[in-house]
């Protein structure tokens, strides 16, 4: 890592800037899913959990930004929070199971409130490391959660329902932050994004092996 870090060192500002831009861009990936919901007229085949996860992650990162006293982190994640609220509103509007949607959003709000409450009670000398660890674990869960349906994907031979825009953009984001972590020689950042990149790559490979039913339908229409 030392050698690679030295090679990339002259590009530190460029890599950092690109990482920031793609992170902001990733927040718009949910708009593609919302557009598909709009065209379909309902939320069938789409899980609300991607938006709930984005909502919770934004809140946690805003709090972490206050802990680190990082204004940019606070601003970027506040923007992400507003986007995820809009995504949730769109999902709820088109959902045919509004009771379940309300329940999921309630759980998301409760989890966020609980972790924020914990951060207020934790020892100030320990909160940065511990809260950062919580965010990392939660991030790994969000990235790997689509793999929980791996058995169903293999059985149906379809990735329909997996949020491709979020997974694809997440792969780019984690790769850029991995490079930035190497440049900074930050082992925590490198480990975090290496694991995330591996998880994203596994999920992307599933789209190659098992195309979604929508893409199959398009191919069949063209052949006809």
Protein backbone atom coordinates (compact mmCIF):
# COMPACT_ATOMS: atom_id res chain seq x y z
CA UNK A 1 0.00 0.00 0.00
CA UNK A 2 2.93 2.33 0.73
CA UNK A 3 4.26 2.12 -2.84
CA UNK A 4 0.82 2.64 -4.42
CA UNK A 5 0.16 5.54 -2.05
CA UNK A 6 3.37 7.26 -3.11
CA UNK A 7 2.47 6.78 -6.81
CA UNK A 8 -1.02 8.25 -6.31
CA UNK A 9 0.08 11.07 -3.99
CA UNK A 10 0.30 13.74 -6.77
CA UNK A 11 -3.35 13.01 -7.61
CA UNK A 12 -4.64 13.41 -4.06
CA UNK A 13 -6.77 16.51 -4.70
CA UNK A 14 -8.14 15.14 -7.98
CA UNK A 15 -9.12 11.78 -6.47
CA UNK A 16 -10.69 13.52 -3.45
CA UNK A 17 -12.71 15.84 -5.68
CA UNK A 18 -13.91 13.01 -7.94
CA UNK A 19 -14.81 10.92 -4.87
CA UNK A 20 -16.92 13.80 -3.56
CA UNK A 21 -18.64 14.31 -6.93
CA UNK A 22 -19.51 10.62 -7.46
CA UNK A 23 -20.76 10.37 -3.87
CA UNK A 24 -23.15 13.26 -4.52
CA UNK A 25 -24.09 11.71 -7.86
CA UNK A 26 -24.85 8.38 -6.17
CA UNK A 27 -27.54 10.08 -4.13
CA UNK A 28 -29.48 10.63 -7.37
CA UNK A 29 -29.39 6.91 -8.25
CA UNK A 30 -32.69 6.45 -6.42
CA UNK A 31 -34.35 8.71 -8.99
CA UNK A 32 -33.94 5.98 -11.64
CA UNK A 33 -35.77 3.52 -9.41
CA UNK A 34 -38.50 6.08 -8.74
CA UNK A 35 -38.86 6.66 -12.49
CA UNK A 36 -39.33 2.91 -13.04
CA UNK A 37 -41.98 2.93 -10.30
CA UNK A 38 -43.70 5.87 -12.01
CA UNK A 39 -43.71 4.11 -15.41
CA UNK A 40 -44.97 0.88 -13.87
CA UNK A 41 -47.63 2.65 -11.82
CA UNK A 42 -46.86 0.67 -8.67
CA UNK A 43 -43.97 -0.58 -6.51
CA UNK A 44 -44.26 -4.26 -7.45
CA UNK A 45 -40.81 -5.87 -7.56
CA UNK A 46 -39.18 -2.92 -5.77
CA UNK A 47 -38.16 -2.91 -2.12
CA UNK A 48 -38.51 0.14 0.10
CA UNK A 49 -35.42 -0.91 2.08
CA UNK A 50 -32.95 0.81 -0.25
CA UNK A 51 -34.61 4.15 0.53
CA UNK A 52 -35.01 3.37 4.24
CA UNK A 53 -31.31 2.48 4.37
CA UNK A 54 -30.36 5.70 2.59
CA UNK A 55 -32.54 7.67 5.03
CA UNK A 56 -30.89 6.10 8.10
CA UNK A 57 -27.38 6.36 6.63
CA UNK A 58 -27.86 10.07 5.87
CA UNK A 59 -29.00 10.81 9.42
CA UNK A 60 -26.10 8.86 10.94
CA UNK A 61 -23.57 10.60 8.70
CA UNK A 62 -25.01 14.01 9.56
CA UNK A 63 -24.48 13.20 13.23
CA UNK A 64 -21.00 11.86 12.51
CA UNK A 65 -20.27 15.09 10.64
CA UNK A 66 -21.14 17.06 13.80
CA UNK A 67 -18.91 14.73 15.85
CA UNK A 68 -16.02 15.32 13.42
CA UNK A 69 -16.97 18.99 12.97
CA UNK A 70 -16.92 18.45 9.22
CA UNK A 71 -19.23 21.01 7.56
CA UNK A 72 -18.95 19.42 4.10
CA UNK A 73 -19.99 16.01 5.44
CA UNK A 74 -23.01 17.60 7.13
CA UNK A 75 -24.09 19.50 4.00
CA UNK A 76 -23.67 16.54 1.61
CA UNK A 77 -25.60 14.16 3.85
CA UNK A 78 -28.33 16.71 4.59
CA UNK A 79 -28.83 16.92 0.84
CA UNK A 80 -28.91 13.11 0.70
CA UNK A 81 -31.48 13.03 3.51
CA UNK A 82 -33.79 15.39 1.61
CA UNK A 83 -33.51 13.23 -1.53
CA UNK A 84 -34.29 10.02 0.37
CA UNK A 85 -37.34 11.63 1.96
CA UNK A 86 -38.57 12.52 -1.55
CA UNK A 87 -37.87 8.94 -2.73
CA UNK A 88 -39.84 7.56 0.23
CA UNK A 89 -42.76 9.88 -0.53
CA UNK A 90 -42.82 8.68 -4.15
CA UNK A 91 -42.60 5.04 -3.07
CA UNK A 92 -45.43 5.50 -0.58
CA UNK A 93 -47.62 7.24 -3.16
CA UNK A 94 -47.38 4.31 -5.60
CA UNK A 95 -47.32 1.55 -2.99
CA UNK A 96 -50.29 -0.83 -2.84
CA UNK A 97 -49.27 -1.91 0.66
CA UNK A 98 -49.22 1.41 2.48
CA UNK A 99 -49.52 -0.22 5.91
CA UNK A 100 -46.27 -2.14 5.37
CA UNK A 101 -44.62 0.99 3.97
CA UNK A 102 -45.63 2.97 7.09
CA UNK A 103 -44.26 0.18 9.30
CA UNK A 104 -40.91 0.11 7.46
CA UNK A 105 -40.56 3.89 7.69
CA UNK A 106 -41.45 3.76 11.39
CA UNK A 107 -38.75 1.16 12.03
CA UNK A 108 -36.25 3.30 10.09
CA UNK A 109 -37.13 6.34 12.17
CA UNK A 110 -36.90 4.36 15.43
CA UNK A 111 -33.47 2.93 14.54
CA UNK A 112 -32.21 6.42 13.64
CA UNK A 113 -33.58 7.94 16.86
CA UNK A 114 -32.09 5.13 18.96
CA UNK A 115 -28.59 5.51 17.49
CA UNK A 116 -28.69 9.30 17.79
CA UNK A 117 -29.76 8.94 21.44
CA UNK A 118 -26.85 6.53 22.01
CA UNK A 119 -24.41 9.04 20.50
CA UNK A 120 -25.60 11.68 22.96
CA UNK A 121 -25.01 9.39 25.95
CA UNK A 122 -21.69 7.86 24.89
CA UNK A 123 -18.34 8.99 26.34
CA UNK A 124 -17.09 11.91 24.15
CA UNK A 125 -13.61 10.35 24.15
CA UNK A 126 -14.97 7.13 22.61
CA UNK A 127 -17.87 8.30 20.46
CA UNK A 128 -15.89 9.05 17.28
CA UNK A 129 -14.43 5.55 16.97
CA UNK A 130 -17.53 3.69 18.17
CA UNK A 131 -20.07 5.67 16.13
CA UNK A 132 -17.81 5.35 13.08
CA UNK A 133 -17.77 1.57 13.61
CA UNK A 134 -21.58 1.50 13.83
CA UNK A 135 -21.84 3.41 10.55
CA UNK A 136 -19.37 1.04 8.89
CA UNK A 137 -21.28 -2.07 10.03
CA UNK A 138 -24.57 -0.56 8.89
CA UNK A 139 -23.02 0.36 5.53
CA UNK A 140 -21.84 -3.24 5.04
CA UNK A 141 -25.36 -4.44 5.85
CA UNK A 142 -26.92 -2.08 3.30
CA UNK A 143 -24.50 -3.06 0.57
CA UNK A 144 -24.82 -6.80 1.22
CA UNK A 145 -28.61 -6.83 1.89
CA UNK A 146 -29.56 -7.58 -1.76
CA UNK A 147 -27.55 -10.81 -1.39
CA UNK A 148 -30.05 -11.98 1.26
CA UNK A 149 -32.29 -12.86 -1.66
CA UNK A 150 -29.54 -14.84 -3.41
CA UNK A 151 -31.46 -18.12 -3.09
CA UNK A 152 -34.49 -16.56 -4.80
CA UNK A 153 -32.30 -15.00 -7.52
CA UNK A 154 -30.69 -18.36 -8.33
CA UNK A 155 -34.07 -20.12 -8.24
CA UNK A 156 -35.79 -17.63 -10.57
CA UNK A 157 -32.60 -16.86 -12.53
CA UNK A 158 -33.54 -13.19 -12.42
CA UNK A 159 -32.18 -10.09 -10.65
CA UNK A 160 -35.52 -8.27 -10.97
CA UNK A 161 -36.02 -6.23 -7.81
CA UNK A 162 -32.32 -5.63 -7.17
CA UNK A 163 -31.55 -1.87 -7.30
CA UNK A 164 -29.04 -1.84 -10.19
CA UNK A 165 -28.52 1.99 -10.28
CA UNK A 166 -27.69 2.05 -6.55
CA UNK A 167 -25.39 -1.00 -6.77
CA UNK A 168 -23.58 0.28 -9.89
CA UNK A 169 -23.05 3.78 -8.52
CA UNK A 170 -22.05 2.30 -5.16
CA UNK A 171 -19.30 0.31 -6.89
CA UNK A 172 -17.85 3.48 -8.43
CA UNK A 173 -18.11 5.40 -5.14
CA UNK A 174 -16.40 2.68 -3.07
CA UNK A 175 -13.62 2.35 -5.66
CA UNK A 176 -12.88 6.10 -5.56
CA UNK A 177 -12.88 6.18 -1.74
CA UNK A 178 -10.62 3.12 -1.72
CA UNK A 179 -8.11 5.03 -3.85
CA UNK A 180 -8.43 8.04 -1.56
CA UNK A 181 -7.90 5.85 1.50
CA UNK A 182 -4.74 4.41 -0.06
CA UNK A 183 -3.46 7.93 -0.77
CA UNK A 184 -4.14 8.95 2.85
CA UNK A 185 -2.63 5.65 4.09
CA UNK A 186 -5.76 5.25 6.20
CA UNK A 187 -6.07 1.52 6.92
CA UNK A 188 -9.62 1.89 8.29
CA UNK A 189 -10.82 3.63 5.11
CA UNK A 190 -9.02 1.08 2.92
CA UNK A 191 -10.51 -1.92 4.76
CA UNK A 192 -13.98 -0.40 4.78
CA UNK A 193 -14.05 0.28 1.04
CA UNK A 194 -12.25 -2.92 0.02
CA UNK A 195 -14.99 -5.00 1.66
CA UNK A 196 -17.68 -2.73 0.18
CA UNK A 197 -16.13 -2.97 -3.31
CA UNK A 198 -16.02 -6.78 -3.12
CA UNK A 199 -19.70 -6.92 -2.06
CA UNK A 200 -20.74 -4.53 -4.85
CA UNK A 201 -18.73 -6.50 -7.43
CA UNK A 202 -20.42 -9.76 -6.41
CA UNK A 203 -23.83 -8.13 -6.87
CA UNK A 204 -22.88 -6.66 -10.26
CA UNK A 205 -21.77 -10.12 -11.41
CA UNK A 206 -25.29 -11.37 -10.66
CA UNK A 207 -26.71 -8.94 -13.24
CA UNK A 208 -24.40 -10.51 -15.84
CA UNK A 209 -25.25 -14.10 -14.85
CA UNK A 210 -28.97 -13.54 -14.20
CA UNK A 211 -30.39 -10.58 -16.21
CA UNK A 212 -33.59 -9.05 -14.88
CA UNK A 213 -36.89 -10.16 -16.37
CA UNK A 214 -37.36 -6.67 -17.81
CA UNK A 215 -34.21 -6.96 -19.93
CA UNK A 216 -35.31 -10.44 -21.09
CA UNK A 217 -38.72 -9.08 -22.10
CA UNK A 218 -37.08 -6.28 -24.12
CA UNK A 219 -34.89 -8.82 -25.96
CA UNK A 220 -37.88 -11.05 -26.73
CA UNK A 221 -39.86 -8.08 -28.10
CA UNK A 222 -36.97 -7.11 -30.36
CA UNK A 223 -36.67 -10.66 -31.68
CA UNK A 224 -40.39 -10.74 -32.42
